[in-house]
Amino acid sequence: MRHRLATKHFNRTSKHRTAMRRNMAASLIQHGSIRTTEAKAKYLRRFIEKLITVAKKGTLHARRQVIARLQDRDMYTYDEKTDDYEIEEQTVVQKLFDEIAKRYADRPGGYTRIIHLAERRIGDAGKQVILQLIEDEPSRAGLGGGKRSARAAKRIEAAAGTETAPKSDDEEAVDQAPEEAPEAVEEEVTETVEDAPVEEAAAEEAPAEDDTEEKDKD
């Protein structure tokens, strides 16, 4: 019975598992992502995230703790021109402290993600995944994940765009239209007021002409 034995053995001894975990962690720090099985990715995820949390302290004691768990080593890159591997200036621990730890200085956790692949591993048909370090992504605390968070982000961007969007020429013309309307009304009113006395005077003169006509008939 496997009571209180939460660690997966992977059909390996403890020394073999430790070496495998260090090699995978060093590859993840160097390349930013690795392709492995789902069980190994979950096993490595707990280890690498604890190392990043310790490295964020940036102290000498934290560096010694990381070296004790990870073992510092050189990094090599393949050069196609020379068809050989060249040593890089930084070591694994130096890159962890100088680049990766500073990248996640304001992030409380969740430095990695697991992307599931549809392809199965040849041989035992094991589930394959990609374990990668998150690069410069804002915290999604409270938004959740999936399509719902994507729709919420689009609504926030749309709302921000409507508030700050500049008005077009047609919209400015519509905004100015109500201001021009009262001026036209005032002009019409003044014209009718000025014309009114002329019409009244003509109406008053009409009865006088009728009186003269009646006197001539008499």
N, C-alpha and C. Protein backbone atom coordinates (compact mmCIF):
# COMPACT_ATOMS: atom_id res chain seq x y z
N MET A 1 0.85 -1.20 0.00
CA MET A 1 0.00 0.00 0.00
C MET A 1 0.88 1.25 0.00
N ARG A 2 0.47 2.25 -0.77
CA ARG A 2 1.28 3.44 -0.96
C ARG A 2 0.77 4.58 -0.09
N HIS A 3 0.73 4.38 1.19
CA HIS A 3 0.31 5.43 2.09
C HIS A 3 1.41 6.48 2.23
N ARG A 4 1.00 7.76 2.15
CA ARG A 4 1.91 8.90 2.33
C ARG A 4 3.06 8.89 1.33
N LEU A 5 2.78 8.39 0.14
CA LEU A 5 3.76 8.39 -0.95
C LEU A 5 3.13 9.12 -2.13
N ALA A 6 3.15 10.47 -2.06
CA ALA A 6 2.48 11.27 -3.09
C ALA A 6 3.34 11.45 -4.33
N THR A 7 4.65 11.31 -4.21
CA THR A 7 5.55 11.54 -5.34
C THR A 7 5.48 10.39 -6.33
N LYS A 8 5.41 10.73 -7.61
CA LYS A 8 5.42 9.71 -8.64
C LYS A 8 6.85 9.20 -8.82
N HIS A 9 6.98 7.91 -9.05
CA HIS A 9 8.30 7.30 -9.15
C HIS A 9 8.81 7.25 -10.59
N PHE A 10 7.90 7.22 -11.58
CA PHE A 10 8.27 7.15 -13.00
C PHE A 10 9.16 5.94 -13.30
N ASN A 11 9.01 4.91 -12.48
CA ASN A 11 9.81 3.69 -12.65
C ASN A 11 11.31 3.99 -12.62
N ARG A 12 11.70 4.94 -11.74
CA ARG A 12 13.09 5.35 -11.60
C ARG A 12 13.45 5.37 -10.12
N THR A 13 14.74 5.32 -9.86
CA THR A 13 15.22 5.49 -8.49
C THR A 13 15.18 6.96 -8.11
N SER A 14 15.40 7.25 -6.83
CA SER A 14 15.33 8.63 -6.38
C SER A 14 16.42 9.50 -7.01
N LYS A 15 17.63 8.96 -7.17
CA LYS A 15 18.71 9.72 -7.80
C LYS A 15 18.42 9.98 -9.28
N HIS A 16 17.83 8.99 -9.92
CA HIS A 16 17.48 9.16 -11.33
C HIS A 16 16.39 10.23 -11.48
N ARG A 17 15.41 10.22 -10.60
CA ARG A 17 14.34 11.23 -10.66
C ARG A 17 14.90 12.63 -10.39
N THR A 18 15.82 12.75 -9.44
CA THR A 18 16.42 14.05 -9.15
C THR A 18 17.21 14.58 -10.35
N ALA A 19 17.97 13.73 -10.99
CA ALA A 19 18.73 14.15 -12.16
C ALA A 19 17.81 14.54 -13.31
N MET A 20 16.73 13.75 -13.51
CA MET A 20 15.78 14.06 -14.56
C MET A 20 15.10 15.41 -14.31
N ARG A 21 14.74 15.66 -13.07
CA ARG A 21 14.07 16.93 -12.75
C ARG A 21 15.01 18.11 -12.94
N ARG A 22 16.28 17.98 -12.56
CA ARG A 22 17.23 19.07 -12.75
C ARG A 22 17.48 19.34 -14.23
N ASN A 23 17.60 18.31 -15.03
CA ASN A 23 17.82 18.49 -16.46
C ASN A 23 16.63 19.17 -17.12
N MET A 24 15.43 18.76 -16.76
CA MET A 24 14.24 19.36 -17.35
C MET A 24 14.09 20.81 -16.91
N ALA A 25 14.40 21.11 -15.65
CA ALA A 25 14.30 22.48 -15.17
C ALA A 25 15.32 23.38 -15.86
N ALA A 26 16.55 22.87 -16.06
CA ALA A 26 17.56 23.66 -16.75
C ALA A 26 17.16 23.93 -18.20
N SER A 27 16.57 22.95 -18.87
CA SER A 27 16.10 23.14 -20.25
C SER A 27 14.96 24.15 -20.31
N LEU A 28 14.08 24.11 -19.33
CA LEU A 28 12.98 25.06 -19.29
C LEU A 28 13.47 26.49 -19.07
N ILE A 29 14.46 26.65 -18.20
CA ILE A 29 15.01 27.98 -17.95
C ILE A 29 15.74 28.50 -19.19
N GLN A 30 16.44 27.63 -19.88
CA GLN A 30 17.21 28.06 -21.05
C GLN A 30 16.32 28.37 -22.24
N HIS A 31 15.39 27.51 -22.56
CA HIS A 31 14.60 27.66 -23.79
C HIS A 31 13.23 28.31 -23.56
N GLY A 32 12.75 28.32 -22.34
CA GLY A 32 11.44 28.92 -22.07
C GLY A 32 10.28 27.97 -22.21
N SER A 33 10.45 26.84 -22.87
CA SER A 33 9.38 25.85 -23.01
C SER A 33 10.01 24.51 -23.37
N ILE A 34 9.37 23.45 -22.93
CA ILE A 34 9.81 22.10 -23.25
C ILE A 34 8.59 21.25 -23.57
N ARG A 35 8.83 20.18 -24.30
CA ARG A 35 7.77 19.23 -24.67
C ARG A 35 8.02 17.93 -23.93
N THR A 36 7.03 17.51 -23.16
CA THR A 36 7.18 16.32 -22.34
C THR A 36 5.80 15.70 -22.11
N THR A 37 5.75 14.70 -21.24
CA THR A 37 4.46 14.08 -20.93
C THR A 37 3.73 14.89 -19.86
N GLU A 38 2.46 14.63 -19.73
CA GLU A 38 1.64 15.38 -18.77
C GLU A 38 2.09 15.12 -17.34
N ALA A 39 2.40 13.87 -17.01
CA ALA A 39 2.81 13.54 -15.64
C ALA A 39 4.13 14.22 -15.28
N LYS A 40 5.10 14.22 -16.20
CA LYS A 40 6.37 14.87 -15.92
C LYS A 40 6.21 16.39 -15.83
N ALA A 41 5.33 16.96 -16.65
CA ALA A 41 5.13 18.41 -16.62
C ALA A 41 4.54 18.85 -15.27
N LYS A 42 3.57 18.11 -14.76
CA LYS A 42 3.00 18.44 -13.46
C LYS A 42 4.02 18.23 -12.32
N TYR A 43 4.86 17.23 -12.49
CA TYR A 43 5.90 16.96 -11.50
C TYR A 43 6.95 18.08 -11.50
N LEU A 44 7.31 18.57 -12.67
CA LEU A 44 8.32 19.63 -12.78
C LEU A 44 7.74 20.99 -12.43
N ARG A 45 6.47 21.18 -12.65
CA ARG A 45 5.87 22.49 -12.41
C ARG A 45 6.00 22.92 -10.96
N ARG A 46 5.77 22.03 -10.03
CA ARG A 46 5.88 22.37 -8.61
C ARG A 46 7.31 22.74 -8.25
N PHE A 47 8.26 22.06 -8.88
CA PHE A 47 9.68 22.30 -8.57
C PHE A 47 10.15 23.65 -9.12
N ILE A 48 9.85 23.95 -10.37
CA ILE A 48 10.37 25.17 -11.00
C ILE A 48 9.71 26.42 -10.43
N GLU A 49 8.44 26.34 -10.06
CA GLU A 49 7.78 27.53 -9.52
C GLU A 49 8.31 27.87 -8.13
N LYS A 50 8.65 26.87 -7.35
CA LYS A 50 9.28 27.14 -6.05
C LYS A 50 10.66 27.77 -6.22
N LEU A 51 11.40 27.32 -7.23
CA LEU A 51 12.71 27.92 -7.49
C LEU A 51 12.58 29.39 -7.89
N ILE A 52 11.60 29.71 -8.72
CA ILE A 52 11.41 31.11 -9.14
C ILE A 52 11.01 31.97 -7.96
N THR A 53 10.18 31.45 -7.07
CA THR A 53 9.78 32.22 -5.89
C THR A 53 10.98 32.51 -5.00
N VAL A 54 11.86 31.54 -4.83
CA VAL A 54 13.07 31.77 -4.04
C VAL A 54 14.01 32.74 -4.74
N ALA A 55 14.11 32.63 -6.07
CA ALA A 55 15.01 33.50 -6.82
C ALA A 55 14.54 34.95 -6.82
N LYS A 56 13.26 35.20 -6.61
CA LYS A 56 12.75 36.57 -6.59
C LYS A 56 13.28 37.36 -5.40
N LYS A 57 13.77 36.68 -4.37
CA LYS A 57 14.35 37.38 -3.23
C LYS A 57 15.66 38.07 -3.61
N GLY A 58 16.45 37.45 -4.48
CA GLY A 58 17.66 38.05 -4.98
C GLY A 58 18.81 38.13 -4.00
N THR A 59 18.74 37.42 -2.91
CA THR A 59 19.80 37.47 -1.90
C THR A 59 20.83 36.37 -2.16
N LEU A 60 21.95 36.45 -1.45
CA LEU A 60 22.98 35.43 -1.56
C LEU A 60 22.49 34.10 -1.01
N HIS A 61 21.72 34.15 0.06
CA HIS A 61 21.18 32.91 0.64
C HIS A 61 20.21 32.25 -0.34
N ALA A 62 19.40 33.06 -1.04
CA ALA A 62 18.48 32.49 -2.02
C ALA A 62 19.24 31.86 -3.18
N ARG A 63 20.34 32.47 -3.59
CA ARG A 63 21.15 31.90 -4.67
C ARG A 63 21.76 30.55 -4.24
N ARG A 64 22.20 30.47 -3.02
CA ARG A 64 22.76 29.20 -2.53
C ARG A 64 21.68 28.12 -2.44
N GLN A 65 20.47 28.52 -2.05
CA GLN A 65 19.37 27.55 -1.99
C GLN A 65 19.06 26.99 -3.38
N VAL A 66 19.02 27.88 -4.38
CA VAL A 66 18.72 27.43 -5.75
C VAL A 66 19.81 26.52 -6.28
N ILE A 67 21.08 26.87 -6.02
CA ILE A 67 22.19 26.05 -6.49
C ILE A 67 22.15 24.67 -5.84
N ALA A 68 21.77 24.60 -4.56
CA ALA A 68 21.69 23.32 -3.87
C ALA A 68 20.62 22.42 -4.48
N ARG A 69 19.52 23.01 -4.95
CA ARG A 69 18.43 22.20 -5.50
C ARG A 69 18.59 21.94 -7.00
N LEU A 70 19.09 22.95 -7.72
CA LEU A 70 19.12 22.85 -9.18
C LEU A 70 20.47 22.42 -9.72
N GLN A 71 21.58 22.81 -9.06
CA GLN A 71 22.93 22.58 -9.56
C GLN A 71 23.20 23.48 -10.77
N ASP A 72 24.08 24.47 -10.58
CA ASP A 72 24.39 25.40 -11.66
C ASP A 72 25.18 24.70 -12.76
N ARG A 73 24.92 25.12 -14.00
CA ARG A 73 25.62 24.53 -15.14
C ARG A 73 25.62 25.53 -16.30
N ASP A 74 26.51 25.32 -17.24
CA ASP A 74 26.61 26.19 -18.42
C ASP A 74 25.49 25.87 -19.40
N MET A 75 25.20 26.87 -20.25
CA MET A 75 24.20 26.69 -21.30
C MET A 75 24.89 26.75 -22.65
N TYR A 76 24.43 25.92 -23.59
CA TYR A 76 25.02 25.84 -24.92
C TYR A 76 23.94 26.09 -25.97
N THR A 77 24.33 26.75 -27.05
CA THR A 77 23.43 26.98 -28.19
C THR A 77 24.07 26.41 -29.44
N TYR A 78 23.23 25.89 -30.32
CA TYR A 78 23.72 25.27 -31.56
C TYR A 78 23.87 26.32 -32.64
N ASP A 79 25.04 26.36 -33.27
CA ASP A 79 25.32 27.29 -34.36
C ASP A 79 25.33 26.51 -35.67
N GLU A 80 24.42 26.92 -36.58
CA GLU A 80 24.32 26.20 -37.85
C GLU A 80 25.53 26.45 -38.76
N LYS A 81 26.15 27.62 -38.65
CA LYS A 81 27.29 27.91 -39.52
C LYS A 81 28.47 27.00 -39.21
N THR A 82 28.79 26.90 -37.95
CA THR A 82 29.93 26.07 -37.54
C THR A 82 29.54 24.62 -37.29
N ASP A 83 28.22 24.35 -37.26
CA ASP A 83 27.73 23.00 -36.99
C ASP A 83 28.29 22.47 -35.67
N ASP A 84 28.23 23.35 -34.67
CA ASP A 84 28.77 22.97 -33.37
C ASP A 84 28.04 23.78 -32.30
N TYR A 85 28.20 23.37 -31.05
CA TYR A 85 27.58 24.06 -29.94
C TYR A 85 28.54 25.09 -29.35
N GLU A 86 27.99 26.28 -29.04
CA GLU A 86 28.78 27.35 -28.45
C GLU A 86 28.27 27.63 -27.05
N ILE A 87 29.18 27.91 -26.14
CA ILE A 87 28.81 28.18 -24.76
C ILE A 87 28.29 29.62 -24.62
N GLU A 88 27.27 29.80 -23.84
CA GLU A 88 26.71 31.12 -23.62
C GLU A 88 27.41 31.80 -22.44
N GLU A 89 27.21 33.12 -22.34
CA GLU A 89 27.85 33.88 -21.28
C GLU A 89 27.23 33.58 -19.92
N GLN A 90 25.90 33.41 -19.89
CA GLN A 90 25.21 33.16 -18.62
C GLN A 90 25.12 31.67 -18.33
N THR A 91 25.05 31.36 -17.05
CA THR A 91 24.75 30.00 -16.63
C THR A 91 23.24 29.90 -16.34
N VAL A 92 22.80 28.73 -15.97
CA VAL A 92 21.37 28.52 -15.71
C VAL A 92 20.90 29.36 -14.52
N VAL A 93 21.67 29.36 -13.44
CA VAL A 93 21.28 30.11 -12.25
C VAL A 93 21.35 31.62 -12.50
N GLN A 94 22.33 32.06 -13.26
CA GLN A 94 22.43 33.48 -13.57
C GLN A 94 21.23 33.95 -14.38
N LYS A 95 20.81 33.19 -15.35
CA LYS A 95 19.63 33.56 -16.13
C LYS A 95 18.37 33.54 -15.28
N LEU A 96 18.28 32.59 -14.35
CA LEU A 96 17.13 32.52 -13.47
C LEU A 96 17.02 33.76 -12.60
N PHE A 97 18.13 34.24 -12.07
CA PHE A 97 18.10 35.41 -11.18
C PHE A 97 18.05 36.72 -11.95
N ASP A 98 18.77 36.82 -13.07
CA ASP A 98 18.89 38.09 -13.78
C ASP A 98 17.70 38.39 -14.69
N GLU A 99 17.10 37.37 -15.28
CA GLU A 99 16.03 37.59 -16.25
C GLU A 99 14.66 37.10 -15.76
N ILE A 100 14.59 35.82 -15.41
CA ILE A 100 13.29 35.21 -15.11
C ILE A 100 12.71 35.75 -13.80
N ALA A 101 13.54 35.85 -12.76
CA ALA A 101 13.04 36.35 -11.48
C ALA A 101 12.59 37.80 -11.58
N LYS A 102 13.30 38.63 -12.35
CA LYS A 102 12.90 40.03 -12.52
C LYS A 102 11.62 40.15 -13.34
N ARG A 103 11.41 39.22 -14.26
CA ARG A 103 10.20 39.25 -15.08
C ARG A 103 8.95 39.05 -14.23
N TYR A 104 9.06 38.22 -13.20
CA TYR A 104 7.91 37.91 -12.36
C TYR A 104 8.00 38.60 -11.00
N ALA A 105 8.65 39.75 -10.94
CA ALA A 105 8.81 40.45 -9.66
C ALA A 105 7.47 40.86 -9.07
N ASP A 106 6.50 41.25 -9.89
CA ASP A 106 5.20 41.70 -9.41
C ASP A 106 4.12 40.64 -9.54
N ARG A 107 4.51 39.42 -9.83
CA ARG A 107 3.52 38.35 -10.01
C ARG A 107 3.55 37.44 -8.78
N PRO A 108 2.39 37.20 -8.14
CA PRO A 108 2.39 36.41 -6.90
C PRO A 108 2.56 34.92 -7.12
N GLY A 109 2.47 34.44 -8.32
CA GLY A 109 2.60 33.00 -8.58
C GLY A 109 2.08 32.67 -9.96
N GLY A 110 2.08 31.39 -10.29
CA GLY A 110 1.59 30.97 -11.61
C GLY A 110 2.53 31.41 -12.71
N TYR A 111 3.77 30.95 -12.67
CA TYR A 111 4.77 31.37 -13.64
C TYR A 111 4.79 30.49 -14.88
N THR A 112 4.10 29.36 -14.86
CA THR A 112 4.14 28.43 -15.99
C THR A 112 2.73 28.09 -16.44
N ARG A 113 2.64 27.57 -17.64
CA ARG A 113 1.36 27.07 -18.18
C ARG A 113 1.61 25.75 -18.88
N ILE A 114 0.59 24.92 -18.91
CA ILE A 114 0.64 23.62 -19.58
C ILE A 114 -0.33 23.63 -20.75
N ILE A 115 0.18 23.38 -21.93
CA ILE A 115 -0.63 23.34 -23.15
C ILE A 115 -0.72 21.89 -23.61
N HIS A 116 -1.91 21.36 -23.65
CA HIS A 116 -2.11 19.97 -24.04
C HIS A 116 -2.06 19.83 -25.57
N LEU A 117 -1.43 18.77 -26.02
CA LEU A 117 -1.29 18.49 -27.45
C LEU A 117 -2.16 17.29 -27.83
N ALA A 118 -2.61 17.30 -29.07
CA ALA A 118 -3.43 16.18 -29.54
C ALA A 118 -2.59 14.98 -29.91
N GLU A 119 -1.33 15.20 -30.25
CA GLU A 119 -0.46 14.10 -30.65
C GLU A 119 -0.07 13.26 -29.44
N ARG A 120 -0.07 11.98 -29.63
CA ARG A 120 0.38 11.05 -28.59
C ARG A 120 1.82 10.64 -28.83
N ARG A 121 2.50 10.29 -27.76
CA ARG A 121 3.88 9.88 -27.88
C ARG A 121 3.97 8.51 -28.55
N ILE A 122 4.91 8.40 -29.47
CA ILE A 122 5.09 7.14 -30.18
C ILE A 122 5.66 6.10 -29.22
N GLY A 123 5.07 4.94 -29.21
CA GLY A 123 5.55 3.85 -28.35
C GLY A 123 4.50 3.46 -27.33
N ASP A 124 4.23 4.36 -26.35
CA ASP A 124 3.26 4.05 -25.32
C ASP A 124 2.01 4.92 -25.41
N ALA A 125 1.93 5.78 -26.45
CA ALA A 125 0.76 6.65 -26.65
C ALA A 125 0.48 7.52 -25.43
N GLY A 126 1.55 8.00 -24.79
CA GLY A 126 1.37 8.87 -23.63
C GLY A 126 0.92 10.28 -24.04
N LYS A 127 0.20 10.94 -23.17
CA LYS A 127 -0.26 12.30 -23.43
C LYS A 127 0.94 13.26 -23.43
N GLN A 128 1.02 14.06 -24.47
CA GLN A 128 2.11 15.02 -24.58
C GLN A 128 1.59 16.44 -24.32
N VAL A 129 2.41 17.25 -23.68
CA VAL A 129 2.06 18.64 -23.39
C VAL A 129 3.29 19.51 -23.61
N ILE A 130 3.06 20.81 -23.63
CA ILE A 130 4.14 21.79 -23.68
C ILE A 130 4.10 22.58 -22.38
N LEU A 131 5.17 22.53 -21.63
CA LEU A 131 5.32 23.30 -20.41
C LEU A 131 6.16 24.52 -20.74
N GLN A 132 5.62 25.71 -20.52
CA GLN A 132 6.33 26.93 -20.89
C GLN A 132 6.20 27.98 -19.80
N LEU A 133 7.15 28.88 -19.79
CA LEU A 133 7.14 30.02 -18.87
C LEU A 133 6.28 31.14 -19.48
N ILE A 134 5.45 31.74 -18.65
CA ILE A 134 4.60 32.84 -19.12
C ILE A 134 5.48 34.06 -19.33
N GLU A 135 5.30 34.73 -20.48
CA GLU A 135 6.12 35.87 -20.83
C GLU A 135 5.30 37.15 -20.82
N ASP A 136 5.61 38.06 -19.89
CA ASP A 136 5.05 39.41 -19.85
C ASP A 136 3.56 39.43 -20.06
N GLU A 137 2.82 38.63 -19.32
CA GLU A 137 1.36 38.59 -19.43
C GLU A 137 0.76 39.19 -18.18
N PRO A 138 -0.22 40.11 -18.29
CA PRO A 138 -0.82 40.70 -17.09
C PRO A 138 -1.59 39.68 -16.28
N SER A 139 -1.69 39.93 -15.02
CA SER A 139 -2.39 39.01 -14.13
C SER A 139 -3.87 38.95 -14.48
N ARG A 140 -4.45 37.74 -14.49
CA ARG A 140 -5.85 37.54 -14.82
C ARG A 140 -6.65 37.18 -13.58
N ALA A 141 -6.25 37.74 -12.45
CA ALA A 141 -6.94 37.43 -11.20
C ALA A 141 -8.37 37.93 -11.25
N GLY A 142 -9.32 37.04 -10.97
CA GLY A 142 -10.72 37.43 -10.95
C GLY A 142 -11.41 37.30 -12.29
N LEU A 143 -10.66 37.10 -13.40
CA LEU A 143 -11.28 37.00 -14.70
C LEU A 143 -11.53 35.56 -15.10
N GLY A 144 -10.86 34.62 -14.46
CA GLY A 144 -11.04 33.23 -14.83
C GLY A 144 -10.29 32.93 -16.11
N GLY A 145 -10.77 31.98 -16.88
CA GLY A 145 -10.10 31.62 -18.12
C GLY A 145 -11.10 31.16 -19.16
N GLY A 146 -10.63 31.02 -20.39
CA GLY A 146 -11.46 30.53 -21.46
C GLY A 146 -12.19 31.63 -22.20
N LYS A 147 -13.30 31.25 -22.85
CA LYS A 147 -14.04 32.18 -23.71
C LYS A 147 -14.69 33.31 -22.91
N ARG A 148 -15.12 33.01 -21.70
CA ARG A 148 -15.80 34.04 -20.92
C ARG A 148 -14.88 35.21 -20.61
N SER A 149 -13.65 34.93 -20.21
CA SER A 149 -12.71 36.01 -19.93
C SER A 149 -12.33 36.76 -21.19
N ALA A 150 -12.26 36.05 -22.33
CA ALA A 150 -11.93 36.74 -23.58
C ALA A 150 -13.04 37.70 -23.97
N ARG A 151 -14.30 37.27 -23.79
CA ARG A 151 -15.41 38.18 -24.10
C ARG A 151 -15.43 39.37 -23.16
N ALA A 152 -15.12 39.14 -21.89
CA ALA A 152 -15.07 40.25 -20.94
C ALA A 152 -13.99 41.25 -21.31
N ALA A 153 -12.85 40.73 -21.76
CA ALA A 153 -11.77 41.65 -22.16
C ALA A 153 -12.17 42.46 -23.38
N LYS A 154 -12.89 41.84 -24.34
CA LYS A 154 -13.34 42.59 -25.51
C LYS A 154 -14.34 43.68 -25.13
N ARG A 155 -15.23 43.37 -24.17
CA ARG A 155 -16.19 44.39 -23.75
C ARG A 155 -15.49 45.56 -23.08
N ILE A 156 -14.47 45.27 -22.29
CA ILE A 156 -13.73 46.35 -21.63
C ILE A 156 -13.01 47.22 -22.65
N GLU A 157 -12.41 46.58 -23.68
CA GLU A 157 -11.73 47.36 -24.71
C GLU A 157 -12.73 48.18 -25.51
N ALA A 158 -13.91 47.60 -25.80
CA ALA A 158 -14.91 48.35 -26.55
C ALA A 158 -15.42 49.55 -25.77
N ALA A 159 -15.63 49.36 -24.47
CA ALA A 159 -16.09 50.47 -23.64
C ALA A 159 -15.05 51.57 -23.56
N ALA A 160 -13.80 51.19 -23.44
CA ALA A 160 -12.74 52.20 -23.40
C ALA A 160 -12.62 52.92 -24.73
N GLY A 161 -12.87 52.20 -25.84
CA GLY A 161 -12.79 52.84 -27.15
C GLY A 161 -13.90 53.83 -27.39
N THR A 162 -15.11 53.53 -26.90
CA THR A 162 -16.23 54.46 -27.10
C THR A 162 -16.07 55.72 -26.27
N GLU A 163 -15.43 55.61 -25.12
CA GLU A 163 -15.25 56.80 -24.28
C GLU A 163 -14.20 57.74 -24.85
N THR A 164 -13.15 57.20 -25.42
CA THR A 164 -12.04 58.03 -25.89
C THR A 164 -12.01 58.20 -27.39
N ALA A 165 -12.98 57.64 -28.14
CA ALA A 165 -12.95 57.73 -29.60
C ALA A 165 -13.21 59.15 -30.05
N PRO A 166 -12.43 59.71 -31.01
CA PRO A 166 -12.68 61.06 -31.50
C PRO A 166 -13.93 61.12 -32.36
N LYS A 167 -14.61 62.25 -32.36
CA LYS A 167 -15.83 62.40 -33.13
C LYS A 167 -15.50 62.67 -34.59
N SER A 168 -16.30 62.11 -35.49
CA SER A 168 -16.11 62.33 -36.92
C SER A 168 -16.74 63.66 -37.33
N ASP A 169 -16.57 64.03 -38.62
CA ASP A 169 -17.12 65.29 -39.13
C ASP A 169 -18.64 65.28 -39.11
N ASP A 170 -19.25 64.10 -39.44
CA ASP A 170 -20.72 64.02 -39.42
C ASP A 170 -21.27 64.21 -38.02
N GLU A 171 -20.59 63.61 -37.01
CA GLU A 171 -21.06 63.75 -35.64
C GLU A 171 -20.94 65.19 -35.17
N GLU A 172 -19.86 65.88 -35.57
CA GLU A 172 -19.71 67.28 -35.18
C GLU A 172 -20.80 68.13 -35.82
N ALA A 173 -21.14 67.82 -37.09
CA ALA A 173 -22.20 68.58 -37.75
C ALA A 173 -23.54 68.37 -37.05
N VAL A 174 -23.80 67.14 -36.60
CA VAL A 174 -25.06 66.86 -35.90
C VAL A 174 -25.10 67.61 -34.57
N ASP A 175 -23.94 67.65 -33.88
CA ASP A 175 -23.90 68.38 -32.61
C ASP A 175 -24.12 69.88 -32.79
N GLN A 176 -23.68 70.44 -33.92
CA GLN A 176 -23.84 71.86 -34.14
C GLN A 176 -25.21 72.23 -34.69
N ALA A 177 -25.95 71.28 -35.22
CA ALA A 177 -27.24 71.58 -35.83
C ALA A 177 -28.22 72.21 -34.85
N PRO A 178 -28.43 71.75 -33.65
CA PRO A 178 -29.40 72.39 -32.74
C PRO A 178 -29.04 73.82 -32.40
N GLU A 179 -27.74 74.16 -32.43
CA GLU A 179 -27.37 75.54 -32.11
C GLU A 179 -27.74 76.49 -33.23
N GLU A 180 -27.71 76.02 -34.50
CA GLU A 180 -28.06 76.87 -35.61
C GLU A 180 -29.56 77.04 -35.75
N ALA A 181 -30.34 76.09 -35.31
CA ALA A 181 -31.79 76.15 -35.48
C ALA A 181 -32.42 77.35 -34.78
N PRO A 182 -32.13 77.69 -33.54
CA PRO A 182 -32.77 78.84 -32.90
C PRO A 182 -32.48 80.15 -33.62
N GLU A 183 -31.29 80.31 -34.24
CA GLU A 183 -31.01 81.54 -34.95
C GLU A 183 -31.94 81.71 -36.13
N ALA A 184 -32.22 80.63 -36.87
CA ALA A 184 -33.12 80.71 -38.00
C ALA A 184 -34.52 81.07 -37.55
N VAL A 185 -34.94 80.54 -36.42
CA VAL A 185 -36.28 80.84 -35.92
C VAL A 185 -36.39 82.30 -35.53
N GLU A 186 -35.35 82.84 -34.91
CA GLU A 186 -35.39 84.23 -34.51
C GLU A 186 -35.48 85.16 -35.71
N GLU A 187 -34.77 84.83 -36.81
CA GLU A 187 -34.84 85.66 -37.99
C GLU A 187 -36.24 85.67 -38.58
N GLU A 188 -36.89 84.50 -38.62
CA GLU A 188 -38.25 84.43 -39.14
C GLU A 188 -39.20 85.24 -38.29
N VAL A 189 -39.01 85.19 -36.98
CA VAL A 189 -39.89 85.93 -36.08
C VAL A 189 -39.73 87.42 -36.29
N THR A 190 -38.53 87.89 -36.45
CA THR A 190 -38.29 89.33 -36.64
C THR A 190 -38.88 89.81 -37.95
N GLU A 191 -38.79 88.96 -39.00
CA GLU A 191 -39.37 89.36 -40.27
C GLU A 191 -40.87 89.48 -40.18
N THR A 192 -41.53 88.56 -39.53
CA THR A 192 -42.99 88.62 -39.42
C THR A 192 -43.42 89.79 -38.57
N VAL A 193 -42.62 90.10 -37.54
CA VAL A 193 -42.98 91.25 -36.70
C VAL A 193 -42.85 92.55 -37.48
N GLU A 194 -41.82 92.67 -38.33
CA GLU A 194 -41.65 93.88 -39.10
C GLU A 194 -42.72 94.02 -40.18
N ASP A 195 -43.14 92.90 -40.76
CA ASP A 195 -44.15 92.96 -41.82
C ASP A 195 -45.54 93.19 -41.25
N ALA A 196 -45.78 92.88 -39.99
CA ALA A 196 -47.13 93.00 -39.43
C ALA A 196 -47.66 94.41 -39.47
N PRO A 197 -46.97 95.48 -39.11
CA PRO A 197 -47.53 96.84 -39.15
C PRO A 197 -47.91 97.27 -40.55
N VAL A 198 -47.19 96.82 -41.58
CA VAL A 198 -47.53 97.20 -42.95
C VAL A 198 -48.88 96.64 -43.33
N GLU A 199 -49.13 95.39 -42.99
CA GLU A 199 -50.41 94.78 -43.32
C GLU A 199 -51.56 95.47 -42.57
N GLU A 200 -51.30 95.81 -41.27
CA GLU A 200 -52.35 96.49 -40.51
C GLU A 200 -52.65 97.87 -41.10
N ALA A 201 -51.62 98.57 -41.54
CA ALA A 201 -51.84 99.89 -42.14
C ALA A 201 -52.66 99.77 -43.41
N ALA A 202 -52.37 98.78 -44.20
CA ALA A 202 -53.16 98.58 -45.42
C ALA A 202 -54.59 98.27 -45.09
N ALA A 203 -54.82 97.53 -44.03
CA ALA A 203 -56.20 97.21 -43.65
C ALA A 203 -56.94 98.43 -43.16
N GLU A 204 -56.22 99.34 -42.47
CA GLU A 204 -56.87 100.55 -41.99
C GLU A 204 -57.20 101.52 -43.14
N GLU A 205 -56.40 101.55 -44.18
CA GLU A 205 -56.67 102.44 -45.32
C GLU A 205 -57.82 101.96 -46.17
N ALA A 206 -58.11 100.69 -46.14
CA ALA A 206 -59.18 100.17 -46.99
C ALA A 206 -60.54 100.77 -46.66
N PRO A 207 -60.96 100.92 -45.45
CA PRO A 207 -62.28 101.53 -45.18
C PRO A 207 -62.35 102.99 -45.62
N ALA A 208 -61.28 103.71 -45.59
CA ALA A 208 -61.31 105.11 -46.02
C ALA A 208 -61.65 105.20 -47.49
N GLU A 209 -61.12 104.34 -48.35
CA GLU A 209 -61.44 104.35 -49.76
C GLU A 209 -62.91 104.05 -49.97
N ASP A 210 -63.48 103.16 -49.20
CA ASP A 210 -64.91 102.82 -49.34
C ASP A 210 -65.79 104.02 -49.01
N ASP A 211 -65.37 104.80 -47.99
CA ASP A 211 -66.18 105.98 -47.62
C ASP A 211 -66.19 107.01 -48.73
N THR A 212 -65.11 107.21 -49.38
CA THR A 212 -65.06 108.19 -50.47
C THR A 212 -65.93 107.76 -51.63
N GLU A 213 -65.92 106.42 -51.92
CA GLU A 213 -66.74 105.91 -53.00
C GLU A 213 -68.23 106.13 -52.71
N GLU A 214 -68.65 105.96 -51.43
CA GLU A 214 -70.06 106.16 -51.08
C GLU A 214 -70.47 107.62 -51.20
N LYS A 215 -69.54 108.55 -50.83
CA LYS A 215 -69.84 109.95 -50.97
C LYS A 215 -70.03 110.35 -52.43
N ASP A 216 -69.25 109.81 -53.37
CA ASP A 216 -69.36 110.11 -54.78
C ASP A 216 -70.70 109.62 -55.31
N LYS A 217 -71.15 108.46 -54.83
CA LYS A 217 -72.45 107.95 -55.29
C LYS A 217 -73.59 108.87 -54.86
N ASP A 218 -73.47 109.38 -53.66
CA ASP A 218 -74.53 110.29 -53.19
C ASP A 218 -74.55 111.57 -54.00
